[in-house]
Amino acid sequence: MAKRGIETCSTDELVALFVDLSLEMKRADDWMENGAYNRAHKKLRDVEAEMKARPGDGRHALLPLLEHPNIQVRLNAAVATLALSPAAVAAMRGIAPLGYCAQAVDATRMLRSLDSGSWKPT
């Protein structure tokens, strides 16, 4: 979906697209398809930016995804909602110890950046 198209999507449609793109990122990561991962990641950031720009910050609609069964969906939702809810940090702390998968490594790195103050979520 082009960025222009996401502006007309409902919040529920954006949440569904967020999940689909997160699942694509996980699939691409599993198969080491960097190009596909990067394309899905860029689209995901566009969706997140559109949600953030909505009245009242539409990213609140992503909070239920902090309990999604897919680790990439949970991680992406946590990153997107860190500035909105302490539940996002808790979700990230739940992902970090899950081993050496890319998502656990990313969560650990982000938590360290948060703890040191070198990264501030917006």
PDB file of N, CA and C in Angstrom:
ATOM      1  N   MET A   1       0.852  -1.167   0.000  1.00  0.00           N
ATOM      2  CA  MET A   1       0.000   0.000   0.000  1.00  0.00           C
ATOM      3  C   MET A   1       0.900   1.232   0.000  1.00  0.00           C
ATOM      4  N   ALA A   2       0.609   2.148  -0.879  1.00  0.00           N
ATOM      5  CA  ALA A   2       1.396   3.380  -0.950  1.00  0.00           C
ATOM      6  C   ALA A   2       1.103   4.248   0.257  1.00  0.00           C
ATOM      7  N   LYS A   3       2.077   5.086   0.620  1.00  0.00           N
ATOM      8  CA  LYS A   3       1.894   5.958   1.781  1.00  0.00           C
ATOM      9  C   LYS A   3       0.648   6.815   1.604  1.00  0.00           C
ATOM     10  N   ARG A   4       0.395   7.293   0.389  1.00  0.00           N
ATOM     11  CA  ARG A   4      -0.780   8.103   0.123  1.00  0.00           C
ATOM     12  C   ARG A   4      -2.051   7.346   0.494  1.00  0.00           C
ATOM     13  N   GLY A   5      -2.057   6.037   0.268  1.00  0.00           N
ATOM     14  CA  GLY A   5      -3.230   5.231   0.553  1.00  0.00           C
ATOM     15  C   GLY A   5      -3.502   5.045   2.035  1.00  0.00           C
ATOM     16  N   ILE A   6      -2.472   5.055   2.859  1.00  0.00           N
ATOM     17  CA  ILE A   6      -2.700   4.807   4.285  1.00  0.00           C
ATOM     18  C   ILE A   6      -3.423   5.957   4.955  1.00  0.00           C
ATOM     19  N   GLU A   7      -3.339   7.127   4.377  1.00  0.00           N
ATOM     20  CA  GLU A   7      -4.012   8.290   4.959  1.00  0.00           C
ATOM     21  C   GLU A   7      -5.524   8.130   4.971  1.00  0.00           C
ATOM     22  N   THR A   8      -6.040   7.308   4.084  1.00  0.00           N
ATOM     23  CA  THR A   8      -7.489   7.108   3.997  1.00  0.00           C
ATOM     24  C   THR A   8      -7.960   5.868   4.755  1.00  0.00           C
ATOM     25  N   CYS A   9      -7.044   5.117   5.318  1.00  0.00           N
ATOM     26  CA  CYS A   9      -7.398   3.901   6.051  1.00  0.00           C
ATOM     27  C   CYS A   9      -7.987   4.246   7.418  1.00  0.00           C
ATOM     28  N   SER A  10      -8.880   3.397   7.867  1.00  0.00           N
ATOM     29  CA  SER A  10      -9.387   3.532   9.231  1.00  0.00           C
ATOM     30  C   SER A  10      -8.300   3.068  10.196  1.00  0.00           C
ATOM     31  N   THR A  11      -8.470   3.394  11.450  1.00  0.00           N
ATOM     32  CA  THR A  11      -7.503   2.949  12.460  1.00  0.00           C
ATOM     33  C   THR A  11      -7.449   1.429  12.508  1.00  0.00           C
ATOM     34  N   ASP A  12      -8.592   0.770  12.438  1.00  0.00           N
ATOM     35  CA  ASP A  12      -8.600  -0.696  12.444  1.00  0.00           C
ATOM     36  C   ASP A  12      -7.844  -1.265  11.244  1.00  0.00           C
ATOM     37  N   GLU A  13      -7.979  -0.629  10.090  1.00  0.00           N
ATOM     38  CA  GLU A  13      -7.246  -1.083   8.907  1.00  0.00           C
ATOM     39  C   GLU A  13      -5.743  -0.881   9.095  1.00  0.00           C
ATOM     40  N   LEU A  14      -5.369   0.224   9.724  1.00  0.00           N
ATOM     41  CA  LEU A  14      -3.944   0.460   9.979  1.00  0.00           C
ATOM     42  C   LEU A  14      -3.379  -0.559  10.962  1.00  0.00           C
ATOM     43  N   VAL A  15      -4.150  -0.914  11.972  1.00  0.00           N
ATOM     44  CA  VAL A  15      -3.694  -1.947  12.919  1.00  0.00           C
ATOM     45  C   VAL A  15      -3.501  -3.273  12.180  1.00  0.00           C
ATOM     46  N   ALA A  16      -4.442  -3.635  11.323  1.00  0.00           N
ATOM     47  CA  ALA A  16      -4.323  -4.876  10.556  1.00  0.00           C
ATOM     48  C   ALA A  16      -3.096  -4.832   9.641  1.00  0.00           C
ATOM     49  N   LEU A  17      -2.852  -3.684   9.024  1.00  0.00           N
ATOM     50  CA  LEU A  17      -1.679  -3.535   8.168  1.00  0.00           C
ATOM     51  C   LEU A  17      -0.399  -3.614   9.001  1.00  0.00           C
ATOM     52  N   PHE A  18      -0.403  -3.037  10.178  1.00  0.00           N
ATOM     53  CA  PHE A  18       0.735  -3.109  11.097  1.00  0.00           C
ATOM     54  C   PHE A  18       1.059  -4.572  11.409  1.00  0.00           C
ATOM     55  N   VAL A  19       0.039  -5.362  11.693  1.00  0.00           N
ATOM     56  CA  VAL A  19       0.244  -6.788  11.976  1.00  0.00           C
ATOM     57  C   VAL A  19       0.793  -7.495  10.733  1.00  0.00           C
ATOM     58  N   ASP A  20       0.187  -7.256   9.575  1.00  0.00           N
ATOM     59  CA  ASP A  20       0.642  -7.914   8.346  1.00  0.00           C
ATOM     60  C   ASP A  20       2.103  -7.584   8.034  1.00  0.00           C
ATOM     61  N   LEU A  21       2.466  -6.325   8.178  1.00  0.00           N
ATOM     62  CA  LEU A  21       3.847  -5.921   7.905  1.00  0.00           C
ATOM     63  C   LEU A  21       4.814  -6.515   8.932  1.00  0.00           C
ATOM     64  N   SER A  22       4.390  -6.595  10.178  1.00  0.00           N
ATOM     65  CA  SER A  22       5.219  -7.220  11.208  1.00  0.00           C
ATOM     66  C   SER A  22       5.437  -8.696  10.910  1.00  0.00           C
ATOM     67  N   LEU A  23       4.388  -9.371  10.484  1.00  0.00           N
ATOM     68  CA  LEU A  23       4.516 -10.787  10.131  1.00  0.00           C
ATOM     69  C   LEU A  23       5.434 -10.969   8.928  1.00  0.00           C
ATOM     70  N   GLU A  24       5.360 -10.047   7.975  1.00  0.00           N
ATOM     71  CA  GLU A  24       6.269 -10.098   6.825  1.00  0.00           C
ATOM     72  C   GLU A  24       7.707  -9.883   7.273  1.00  0.00           C
ATOM     73  N   MET A  25       7.922  -8.983   8.218  1.00  0.00           N
ATOM     74  CA  MET A  25       9.271  -8.773   8.743  1.00  0.00           C
ATOM     75  C   MET A  25       9.808 -10.050   9.385  1.00  0.00           C
ATOM     76  N   LYS A  26       8.973 -10.743  10.150  1.00  0.00           N
ATOM     77  CA  LYS A  26       9.393 -11.993  10.802  1.00  0.00           C
ATOM     78  C   LYS A  26       9.717 -13.055   9.760  1.00  0.00           C
ATOM     79  N   ARG A  27       8.843 -13.167   8.755  1.00  0.00           N
ATOM     80  CA  ARG A  27       9.080 -14.149   7.698  1.00  0.00           C
ATOM     81  C   ARG A  27      10.397 -13.838   6.982  1.00  0.00           C
ATOM     82  N   ALA A  28      10.593 -12.572   6.629  1.00  0.00           N
ATOM     83  CA  ALA A  28      11.805 -12.174   5.918  1.00  0.00           C
ATOM     84  C   ALA A  28      13.048 -12.395   6.782  1.00  0.00           C
ATOM     85  N   ASP A  29      12.929 -12.119   8.076  1.00  0.00           N
ATOM     86  CA  ASP A  29      14.049 -12.351   8.989  1.00  0.00           C
ATOM     87  C   ASP A  29      14.380 -13.841   9.055  1.00  0.00           C
ATOM     88  N   ASP A  30      13.350 -14.671   9.166  1.00  0.00           N
ATOM     89  CA  ASP A  30      13.566 -16.121   9.234  1.00  0.00           C
ATOM     90  C   ASP A  30      14.282 -16.658   7.997  1.00  0.00           C
ATOM     91  N   TRP A  31      13.985 -16.070   6.839  1.00  0.00           N
ATOM     92  CA  TRP A  31      14.560 -16.533   5.580  1.00  0.00           C
ATOM     93  C   TRP A  31      15.745 -15.674   5.141  1.00  0.00           C
ATOM     94  N   MET A  32      16.174 -14.764   6.029  1.00  0.00           N
ATOM     95  CA  MET A  32      17.319 -13.883   5.755  1.00  0.00           C
ATOM     96  C   MET A  32      17.163 -13.118   4.446  1.00  0.00           C
ATOM     97  N   GLU A  33      15.952 -12.608   4.234  1.00  0.00           N
ATOM     98  CA  GLU A  33      15.659 -11.794   3.055  1.00  0.00           C
ATOM     99  C   GLU A  33      15.693 -10.325   3.468  1.00  0.00           C
ATOM    100  N   ASN A  34      16.894  -9.767   3.455  1.00  0.00           N
ATOM    101  CA  ASN A  34      17.088  -8.406   3.956  1.00  0.00           C
ATOM    102  C   ASN A  34      16.280  -7.365   3.206  1.00  0.00           C
ATOM    103  N   GLY A  35      16.196  -7.482   1.909  1.00  0.00           N
ATOM    104  CA  GLY A  35      15.441  -6.511   1.122  1.00  0.00           C
ATOM    105  C   GLY A  35      13.970  -6.504   1.498  1.00  0.00           C
ATOM    106  N   ALA A  36      13.392  -7.688   1.604  1.00  0.00           N
ATOM    107  CA  ALA A  36      11.971  -7.792   1.980  1.00  0.00           C
ATOM    108  C   ALA A  36      11.753  -7.261   3.389  1.00  0.00           C
ATOM    109  N   TYR A  37      12.677  -7.565   4.295  1.00  0.00           N
ATOM    110  CA  TYR A  37      12.582  -7.067   5.667  1.00  0.00           C
ATOM    111  C   TYR A  37      12.616  -5.536   5.669  1.00  0.00           C
ATOM    112  N   ASN A  38      13.561  -4.959   4.964  1.00  0.00           N
ATOM    113  CA  ASN A  38      13.706  -3.505   4.942  1.00  0.00           C
ATOM    114  C   ASN A  38      12.491  -2.819   4.321  1.00  0.00           C
ATOM    115  N   ARG A  39      11.928  -3.395   3.263  1.00  0.00           N
ATOM    116  CA  ARG A  39      10.729  -2.812   2.644  1.00  0.00           C
ATOM    117  C   ARG A  39       9.549  -2.847   3.604  1.00  0.00           C
ATOM    118  N   ALA A  40       9.372  -3.979   4.280  1.00  0.00           N
ATOM    119  CA  ALA A  40       8.270  -4.087   5.244  1.00  0.00           C
ATOM    120  C   ALA A  40       8.489  -3.127   6.413  1.00  0.00           C
ATOM    121  N   HIS A  41       9.728  -2.993   6.856  1.00  0.00           N
ATOM    122  CA  HIS A  41      10.047  -2.091   7.963  1.00  0.00           C
ATOM    123  C   HIS A  41       9.731  -0.640   7.600  1.00  0.00           C
ATOM    124  N   LYS A  42      10.081  -0.224   6.387  1.00  0.00           N
ATOM    125  CA  LYS A  42       9.793   1.140   5.960  1.00  0.00           C
ATOM    126  C   LYS A  42       8.283   1.388   5.924  1.00  0.00           C
ATOM    127  N   LYS A  43       7.541   0.439   5.368  1.00  0.00           N
ATOM    128  CA  LYS A  43       6.080   0.589   5.325  1.00  0.00           C
ATOM    129  C   LYS A  43       5.493   0.626   6.735  1.00  0.00           C
ATOM    130  N   LEU A  44       6.052  -0.191   7.628  1.00  0.00           N
ATOM    131  CA  LEU A  44       5.583  -0.209   9.014  1.00  0.00           C
ATOM    132  C   LEU A  44       5.794   1.157   9.660  1.00  0.00           C
ATOM    133  N   ARG A  45       6.932   1.767   9.441  1.00  0.00           N
ATOM    134  CA  ARG A  45       7.204   3.098  10.001  1.00  0.00           C
ATOM    135  C   ARG A  45       6.247   4.137   9.414  1.00  0.00           C
ATOM    136  N   ASP A  46       5.882   3.993   8.134  1.00  0.00           N
ATOM    137  CA  ASP A  46       4.890   4.895   7.530  1.00  0.00           C
ATOM    138  C   ASP A  46       3.530   4.740   8.210  1.00  0.00           C
ATOM    139  N   VAL A  47       3.140   3.494   8.480  1.00  0.00           N
ATOM    140  CA  VAL A  47       1.875   3.229   9.168  1.00  0.00           C
ATOM    141  C   VAL A  47       1.916   3.832  10.565  1.00  0.00           C
ATOM    142  N   GLU A  48       3.016   3.611  11.276  1.00  0.00           N
ATOM    143  CA  GLU A  48       3.159   4.153  12.624  1.00  0.00           C
ATOM    144  C   GLU A  48       3.082   5.680  12.614  1.00  0.00           C
ATOM    145  N   ALA A  49       3.748   6.317  11.657  1.00  0.00           N
ATOM    146  CA  ALA A  49       3.723   7.785  11.564  1.00  0.00           C
ATOM    147  C   ALA A  49       2.311   8.288  11.287  1.00  0.00           C
ATOM    148  N   GLU A  50       1.579   7.591  10.433  1.00  0.00           N
ATOM    149  CA  GLU A  50       0.198   7.988  10.156  1.00  0.00           C
ATOM    150  C   GLU A  50      -0.660   7.859  11.406  1.00  0.00           C
ATOM    151  N   MET A  51      -0.477   6.787  12.140  1.00  0.00           N
ATOM    152  CA  MET A  51      -1.253   6.596  13.370  1.00  0.00           C
ATOM    153  C   MET A  51      -0.915   7.676  14.396  1.00  0.00           C
ATOM    154  N   LYS A  52       0.360   7.985  14.530  1.00  0.00           N
ATOM    155  CA  LYS A  52       0.791   8.998  15.494  1.00  0.00           C
ATOM    156  C   LYS A  52       0.189  10.360  15.161  1.00  0.00           C
ATOM    157  N   ALA A  53       0.042  10.665  13.892  1.00  0.00           N
ATOM    158  CA  ALA A  53      -0.462  11.964  13.450  1.00  0.00           C
ATOM    159  C   ALA A  53      -1.967  12.125  13.663  1.00  0.00           C
ATOM    160  N   ARG A  54      -2.643  11.055  13.939  1.00  0.00           N
ATOM    161  CA  ARG A  54      -4.092  11.132  14.113  1.00  0.00           C
ATOM    162  C   ARG A  54      -4.453  11.763  15.462  1.00  0.00           C
ATOM    163  N   PRO A  55      -5.626  12.382  15.538  1.00  0.00           N
ATOM    164  CA  PRO A  55      -6.049  13.022  16.799  1.00  0.00           C
ATOM    165  C   PRO A  55      -5.981  12.044  17.975  1.00  0.00           C
ATOM    166  N   GLY A  56      -5.368  12.497  19.056  1.00  0.00           N
ATOM    167  CA  GLY A  56      -5.254  11.657  20.245  1.00  0.00           C
ATOM    168  C   GLY A  56      -4.190  10.586  20.138  1.00  0.00           C
ATOM    169  N   ASP A  57      -3.392  10.600  19.079  1.00  0.00           N
ATOM    170  CA  ASP A  57      -2.326   9.620  18.840  1.00  0.00           C
ATOM    171  C   ASP A  57      -2.919   8.225  18.645  1.00  0.00           C
ATOM    172  N   GLY A  58      -3.177   7.888  17.402  1.00  0.00           N
ATOM    173  CA  GLY A  58      -3.790   6.611  17.048  1.00  0.00           C
ATOM    174  C   GLY A  58      -2.976   5.386  17.403  1.00  0.00           C
ATOM    175  N   ARG A  59      -1.729   5.575  17.843  1.00  0.00           N
ATOM    176  CA  ARG A  59      -0.916   4.413  18.230  1.00  0.00           C
ATOM    177  C   ARG A  59      -1.486   3.706  19.450  1.00  0.00           C
ATOM    178  N   HIS A  60      -2.368   4.364  20.180  1.00  0.00           N
ATOM    179  CA  HIS A  60      -3.018   3.683  21.312  1.00  0.00           C
ATOM    180  C   HIS A  60      -3.718   2.399  20.864  1.00  0.00           C
ATOM    181  N   ALA A  61      -4.158   2.373  19.618  1.00  0.00           N
ATOM    182  CA  ALA A  61      -4.831   1.183  19.081  1.00  0.00           C
ATOM    183  C   ALA A  61      -3.885  -0.006  18.954  1.00  0.00           C
ATOM    184  N   LEU A  62      -2.584   0.235  19.049  1.00  0.00           N
ATOM    185  CA  LEU A  62      -1.594  -0.847  18.960  1.00  0.00           C
ATOM    186  C   LEU A  62      -1.334  -1.520  20.305  1.00  0.00           C
ATOM    187  N   LEU A  63      -1.789  -0.924  21.395  1.00  0.00           N
ATOM    188  CA  LEU A  63      -1.500  -1.482  22.723  1.00  0.00           C
ATOM    189  C   LEU A  63      -1.954  -2.938  22.893  1.00  0.00           C
ATOM    190  N   PRO A  64      -3.113  -3.349  22.366  1.00  0.00           N
ATOM    191  CA  PRO A  64      -3.471  -4.771  22.502  1.00  0.00           C
ATOM    192  C   PRO A  64      -2.480  -5.723  21.825  1.00  0.00           C
ATOM    193  N   LEU A  65      -1.714  -5.217  20.867  1.00  0.00           N
ATOM    194  CA  LEU A  65      -0.739  -6.066  20.175  1.00  0.00           C
ATOM    195  C   LEU A  65       0.457  -6.423  21.053  1.00  0.00           C
ATOM    196  N   LEU A  66       0.583  -5.791  22.201  1.00  0.00           N
ATOM    197  CA  LEU A  66       1.674  -6.124  23.120  1.00  0.00           C
ATOM    198  C   LEU A  66       1.544  -7.559  23.636  1.00  0.00           C
ATOM    199  N   GLU A  67       0.377  -8.151  23.446  1.00  0.00           N
ATOM    200  CA  GLU A  67       0.152  -9.542  23.860  1.00  0.00           C
ATOM    201  C   GLU A  67      -0.041 -10.472  22.668  1.00  0.00           C
ATOM    202  N   HIS A  68       0.301 -10.023  21.480  1.00  0.00           N
ATOM    203  CA  HIS A  68       0.135 -10.838  20.268  1.00  0.00           C
ATOM    204  C   HIS A  68       1.024 -12.081  20.362  1.00  0.00           C
ATOM    205  N   PRO A  69       0.592 -13.203  19.808  1.00  0.00           N
ATOM    206  CA  PRO A  69       1.414 -14.418  19.889  1.00  0.00           C
ATOM    207  C   PRO A  69       2.706 -14.361  19.079  1.00  0.00           C
ATOM    208  N   ASN A  70       2.796 -13.484  18.081  1.00  0.00           N
ATOM    209  CA  ASN A  70       4.000 -13.401  17.270  1.00  0.00           C
ATOM    210  C   ASN A  70       4.983 -12.407  17.887  1.00  0.00           C
ATOM    211  N   ILE A  71       6.219 -12.842  18.070  1.00  0.00           N
ATOM    212  CA  ILE A  71       7.236 -12.037  18.741  1.00  0.00           C
ATOM    213  C   ILE A  71       7.548 -10.740  18.000  1.00  0.00           C
ATOM    214  N   GLN A  72       7.538 -10.771  16.673  1.00  0.00           N
ATOM    215  CA  GLN A  72       7.842  -9.559  15.901  1.00  0.00           C
ATOM    216  C   GLN A  72       6.714  -8.539  16.037  1.00  0.00           C
ATOM    217  N   VAL A  73       5.472  -9.009  16.046  1.00  0.00           N
ATOM    218  CA  VAL A  73       4.338  -8.109  16.239  1.00  0.00           C
ATOM    219  C   VAL A  73       4.448  -7.455  17.618  1.00  0.00           C
ATOM    220  N   ARG A  74       4.732  -8.267  18.644  1.00  0.00           N
ATOM    221  CA  ARG A  74       4.880  -7.714  20.001  1.00  0.00           C
ATOM    222  C   ARG A  74       5.997  -6.685  20.072  1.00  0.00           C
ATOM    223  N   LEU A  75       7.156  -7.016  19.486  1.00  0.00           N
ATOM    224  CA  LEU A  75       8.284  -6.097  19.519  1.00  0.00           C
ATOM    225  C   LEU A  75       7.954  -4.796  18.794  1.00  0.00           C
ATOM    226  N   ASN A  76       7.398  -4.894  17.600  1.00  0.00           N
ATOM    227  CA  ASN A  76       7.065  -3.683  16.848  1.00  0.00           C
ATOM    228  C   ASN A  76       6.028  -2.838  17.582  1.00  0.00           C
ATOM    229  N   ALA A  77       5.045  -3.490  18.187  1.00  0.00           N
ATOM    230  CA  ALA A  77       4.039  -2.752  18.954  1.00  0.00           C
ATOM    231  C   ALA A  77       4.677  -2.082  20.166  1.00  0.00           C
ATOM    232  N   ALA A  78       5.604  -2.764  20.812  1.00  0.00           N
ATOM    233  CA  ALA A  78       6.283  -2.184  21.977  1.00  0.00           C
ATOM    234  C   ALA A  78       7.084  -0.959  21.566  1.00  0.00           C
ATOM    235  N   VAL A  79       7.829  -1.061  20.490  1.00  0.00           N
ATOM    236  CA  VAL A  79       8.622   0.075  20.022  1.00  0.00           C
ATOM    237  C   VAL A  79       7.705   1.243  19.664  1.00  0.00           C
ATOM    238  N   ALA A  80       6.611   0.949  18.996  1.00  0.00           N
ATOM    239  CA  ALA A  80       5.692   2.004  18.550  1.00  0.00           C
ATOM    240  C   ALA A  80       4.985   2.699  19.710  1.00  0.00           C
ATOM    241  N   THR A  81       4.829   2.003  20.831  1.00  0.00           N
ATOM    242  CA  THR A  81       4.026   2.561  21.932  1.00  0.00           C
ATOM    243  C   THR A  81       4.855   2.884  23.183  1.00  0.00           C
ATOM    244  N   LEU A  82       6.164   2.843  23.082  1.00  0.00           N
ATOM    245  CA  LEU A  82       7.009   3.115  24.254  1.00  0.00           C
ATOM    246  C   LEU A  82       6.708   4.461  24.900  1.00  0.00           C
ATOM    247  N   ALA A  83       6.406   5.455  24.105  1.00  0.00           N
ATOM    248  CA  ALA A  83       6.134   6.788  24.645  1.00  0.00           C
ATOM    249  C   ALA A  83       4.732   6.896  25.235  1.00  0.00           C
ATOM    250  N   LEU A  84       3.915   5.869  25.040  1.00  0.00           N
ATOM    251  CA  LEU A  84       2.515   5.934  25.446  1.00  0.00           C
ATOM    252  C   LEU A  84       2.191   5.157  26.710  1.00  0.00           C
ATOM    253  N   SER A  85       2.925   4.070  26.972  1.00  0.00           N
ATOM    254  CA  SER A  85       2.508   3.182  28.053  1.00  0.00           C
ATOM    255  C   SER A  85       3.680   2.411  28.636  1.00  0.00           C
ATOM    256  N   PRO A  86       3.710   2.280  29.963  1.00  0.00           N
ATOM    257  CA  PRO A  86       4.730   1.439  30.581  1.00  0.00           C
ATOM    258  C   PRO A  86       4.575  -0.033  30.200  1.00  0.00           C
ATOM    259  N   ALA A  87       3.401  -0.411  29.719  1.00  0.00           N
ATOM    260  CA  ALA A  87       3.191  -1.791  29.277  1.00  0.00           C
ATOM    261  C   ALA A  87       4.102  -2.135  28.104  1.00  0.00           C
ATOM    262  N   ALA A  88       4.487  -1.140  27.329  1.00  0.00           N
ATOM    263  CA  ALA A  88       5.383  -1.380  26.197  1.00  0.00           C
ATOM    264  C   ALA A  88       6.770  -1.800  26.696  1.00  0.00           C
ATOM    265  N   VAL A  89       7.250  -1.150  27.736  1.00  0.00           N
ATOM    266  CA  VAL A  89       8.550  -1.527  28.316  1.00  0.00           C
ATOM    267  C   VAL A  89       8.448  -2.934  28.901  1.00  0.00           C
ATOM    268  N   ALA A  90       7.349  -3.229  29.565  1.00  0.00           N
ATOM    269  CA  ALA A  90       7.158  -4.565  30.138  1.00  0.00           C
ATOM    270  C   ALA A  90       7.154  -5.627  29.039  1.00  0.00           C
ATOM    271  N   ALA A  91       6.501  -5.335  27.923  1.00  0.00           N
ATOM    272  CA  ALA A  91       6.478  -6.287  26.810  1.00  0.00           C
ATOM    273  C   ALA A  91       7.890  -6.499  26.269  1.00  0.00           C
ATOM    274  N   MET A  92       8.639  -5.419  26.147  1.00  0.00           N
ATOM    275  CA  MET A  92      10.010  -5.522  25.650  1.00  0.00           C
ATOM    276  C   MET A  92      10.873  -6.310  26.637  1.00  0.00           C
ATOM    277  N   ARG A  93      10.665  -6.098  27.934  1.00  0.00           N
ATOM    278  CA  ARG A  93      11.411  -6.858  28.944  1.00  0.00           C
ATOM    279  C   ARG A  93      11.038  -8.346  28.897  1.00  0.00           C
ATOM    280  N   GLY A  94       9.841  -8.653  28.430  1.00  0.00           N
ATOM    281  CA  GLY A  94       9.443 -10.045  28.263  1.00  0.00           C
ATOM    282  C   GLY A  94      10.069 -10.700  27.046  1.00  0.00           C
ATOM    283  N   ILE A  95      10.387  -9.910  26.046  1.00  0.00           N
ATOM    284  CA  ILE A  95      10.987 -10.433  24.817  1.00  0.00           C
ATOM    285  C   ILE A  95      12.497 -10.627  24.979  1.00  0.00           C
ATOM    286  N   ALA A  96      13.155  -9.703  25.656  1.00  0.00           N
ATOM    287  CA  ALA A  96      14.616  -9.689  25.742  1.00  0.00           C
ATOM    288  C   ALA A  96      15.248 -11.015  26.179  1.00  0.00           C
ATOM    289  N   PRO A  97      14.698 -11.718  27.166  1.00  0.00           N
ATOM    290  CA  PRO A  97      15.379 -12.943  27.606  1.00  0.00           C
ATOM    291  C   PRO A  97      15.030 -14.198  26.802  1.00  0.00           C
ATOM    292  N   LEU A  98      14.384 -14.049  25.672  1.00  0.00           N
ATOM    293  CA  LEU A  98      13.902 -15.214  24.929  1.00  0.00           C
ATOM    294  C   LEU A  98      14.953 -15.888  24.053  1.00  0.00           C
ATOM    295  N   GLY A  99      16.194 -15.588  24.252  1.00  0.00           N
ATOM    296  CA  GLY A  99      17.235 -16.304  23.530  1.00  0.00           C
ATOM    297  C   GLY A  99      17.987 -15.418  22.570  1.00  0.00           C
ATOM    298  N   TYR A 100      18.486 -16.027  21.520  1.00  0.00           N
ATOM    299  CA  TYR A 100      19.336 -15.318  20.573  1.00  0.00           C
ATOM    300  C   TYR A 100      18.623 -15.002  19.267  1.00  0.00           C
ATOM    301  N   CYS A 101      17.306 -15.015  19.269  1.00  0.00           N
ATOM    302  CA  CYS A 101      16.588 -14.618  18.065  1.00  0.00           C
ATOM    303  C   CYS A 101      16.769 -13.113  17.866  1.00  0.00           C
ATOM    304  N   ALA A 102      16.590 -12.659  16.658  1.00  0.00           N
ATOM    305  CA  ALA A 102      16.812 -11.249  16.328  1.00  0.00           C
ATOM    306  C   ALA A 102      15.942 -10.329  17.181  1.00  0.00           C
ATOM    307  N   GLN A 103      14.728 -10.740  17.469  1.00  0.00           N
ATOM    308  CA  GLN A 103      13.818  -9.895  18.234  1.00  0.00           C
ATOM    309  C   GLN A 103      14.299  -9.729  19.673  1.00  0.00           C
ATOM    310  N   ALA A 104      14.803 -10.796  20.275  1.00  0.00           N
ATOM    311  CA  ALA A 104      15.316 -10.706  21.645  1.00  0.00           C
ATOM    312  C   ALA A 104      16.563  -9.822  21.693  1.00  0.00           C
ATOM    313  N   VAL A 105      17.409  -9.957  20.694  1.00  0.00           N
ATOM    314  CA  VAL A 105      18.608  -9.124  20.625  1.00  0.00           C
ATOM    315  C   VAL A 105      18.206  -7.661  20.461  1.00  0.00           C
ATOM    316  N   ASP A 106      17.249  -7.389  19.567  1.00  0.00           N
ATOM    317  CA  ASP A 106      16.779  -6.014  19.368  1.00  0.00           C
ATOM    318  C   ASP A 106      16.170  -5.449  20.648  1.00  0.00           C
ATOM    319  N   ALA A 107      15.354  -6.241  21.323  1.00  0.00           N
ATOM    320  CA  ALA A 107      14.729  -5.774  22.569  1.00  0.00           C
ATOM    321  C   ALA A 107      15.788  -5.459  23.619  1.00  0.00           C
ATOM    322  N   THR A 108      16.778  -6.316  23.752  1.00  0.00           N
ATOM    323  CA  THR A 108      17.856  -6.085  24.711  1.00  0.00           C
ATOM    324  C   THR A 108      18.599  -4.798  24.392  1.00  0.00           C
ATOM    325  N   ARG A 109      18.920  -4.608  23.126  1.00  0.00           N
ATOM    326  CA  ARG A 109      19.637  -3.397  22.687  1.00  0.00           C
ATOM    327  C   ARG A 109      18.803  -2.150  22.966  1.00  0.00           C
ATOM    328  N   MET A 110      17.519  -2.196  22.656  1.00  0.00           N
ATOM    329  CA  MET A 110      16.655  -1.036  22.881  1.00  0.00           C
ATOM    330  C   MET A 110      16.486  -0.741  24.363  1.00  0.00           C
ATOM    331  N   LEU A 111      16.362  -1.778  25.174  1.00  0.00           N
ATOM    332  CA  LEU A 111      16.239  -1.564  26.619  1.00  0.00           C
ATOM    333  C   LEU A 111      17.503  -0.925  27.188  1.00  0.00           C
ATOM    334  N   ARG A 112      18.657  -1.375  26.720  1.00  0.00           N
ATOM    335  CA  ARG A 112      19.910  -0.758  27.171  1.00  0.00           C
ATOM    336  C   ARG A 112      19.966   0.717  26.780  1.00  0.00           C
ATOM    337  N   SER A 113      19.517   1.027  25.574  1.00  0.00           N
ATOM    338  CA  SER A 113      19.497   2.417  25.115  1.00  0.00           C
ATOM    339  C   SER A 113      18.523   3.258  25.927  1.00  0.00           C
ATOM    340  N   LEU A 114      17.388   2.673  26.267  1.00  0.00           N
ATOM    341  CA  LEU A 114      16.420   3.375  27.117  1.00  0.00           C
ATOM    342  C   LEU A 114      17.005   3.619  28.502  1.00  0.00           C
ATOM    343  N   ASP A 115      17.595   2.573  29.074  1.00  0.00           N
ATOM    344  CA  ASP A 115      18.139   2.661  30.432  1.00  0.00           C
ATOM    345  C   ASP A 115      19.289   3.676  30.512  1.00  0.00           C
ATOM    346  N   SER A 116      20.086   3.761  29.465  1.00  0.00           N
ATOM    347  CA  SER A 116      21.226   4.695  29.472  1.00  0.00           C
ATOM    348  C   SER A 116      20.806   6.108  29.120  1.00  0.00           C
ATOM    349  N   GLY A 117      19.598   6.256  28.588  1.00  0.00           N
ATOM    350  CA  GLY A 117      19.127   7.573  28.186  1.00  0.00           C
ATOM    351  C   GLY A 117      19.586   7.986  26.796  1.00  0.00           C
ATOM    352  N   SER A 118      20.238   7.084  26.069  1.00  0.00           N
ATOM    353  CA  SER A 118      20.712   7.444  24.736  1.00  0.00           C
ATOM    354  C   SER A 118      19.611   7.364  23.681  1.00  0.00           C
ATOM    355  N   TRP A 119      18.461   6.835  24.047  1.00  0.00           N
ATOM    356  CA  TRP A 119      17.329   6.753  23.123  1.00  0.00           C
ATOM    357  C   TRP A 119      16.082   7.192  23.869  1.00  0.00           C
ATOM    358  N   LYS A 120      15.370   8.113  23.271  1.00  0.00           N
ATOM    359  CA  LYS A 120      14.121   8.616  23.838  1.00  0.00           C
ATOM    360  C   LYS A 120      12.987   8.333  22.869  1.00  0.00           C
ATOM    361  N   PRO A 121      12.024   7.531  23.249  1.00  0.00           N
ATOM    362  CA  PRO A 121      10.901   7.267  22.354  1.00  0.00           C
ATOM    363  C   PRO A 121      10.046   8.532  22.169  1.00  0.00           C
ATOM    364  N   THR A 122       9.464   8.621  20.990  1.00  0.00           N
ATOM    365  CA  THR A 122       8.598   9.772  20.702  1.00  0.00           C
ATOM    366  C   THR A 122       7.205   9.325  20.339  1.00  0.00           C
TER     367      THR A 122
END
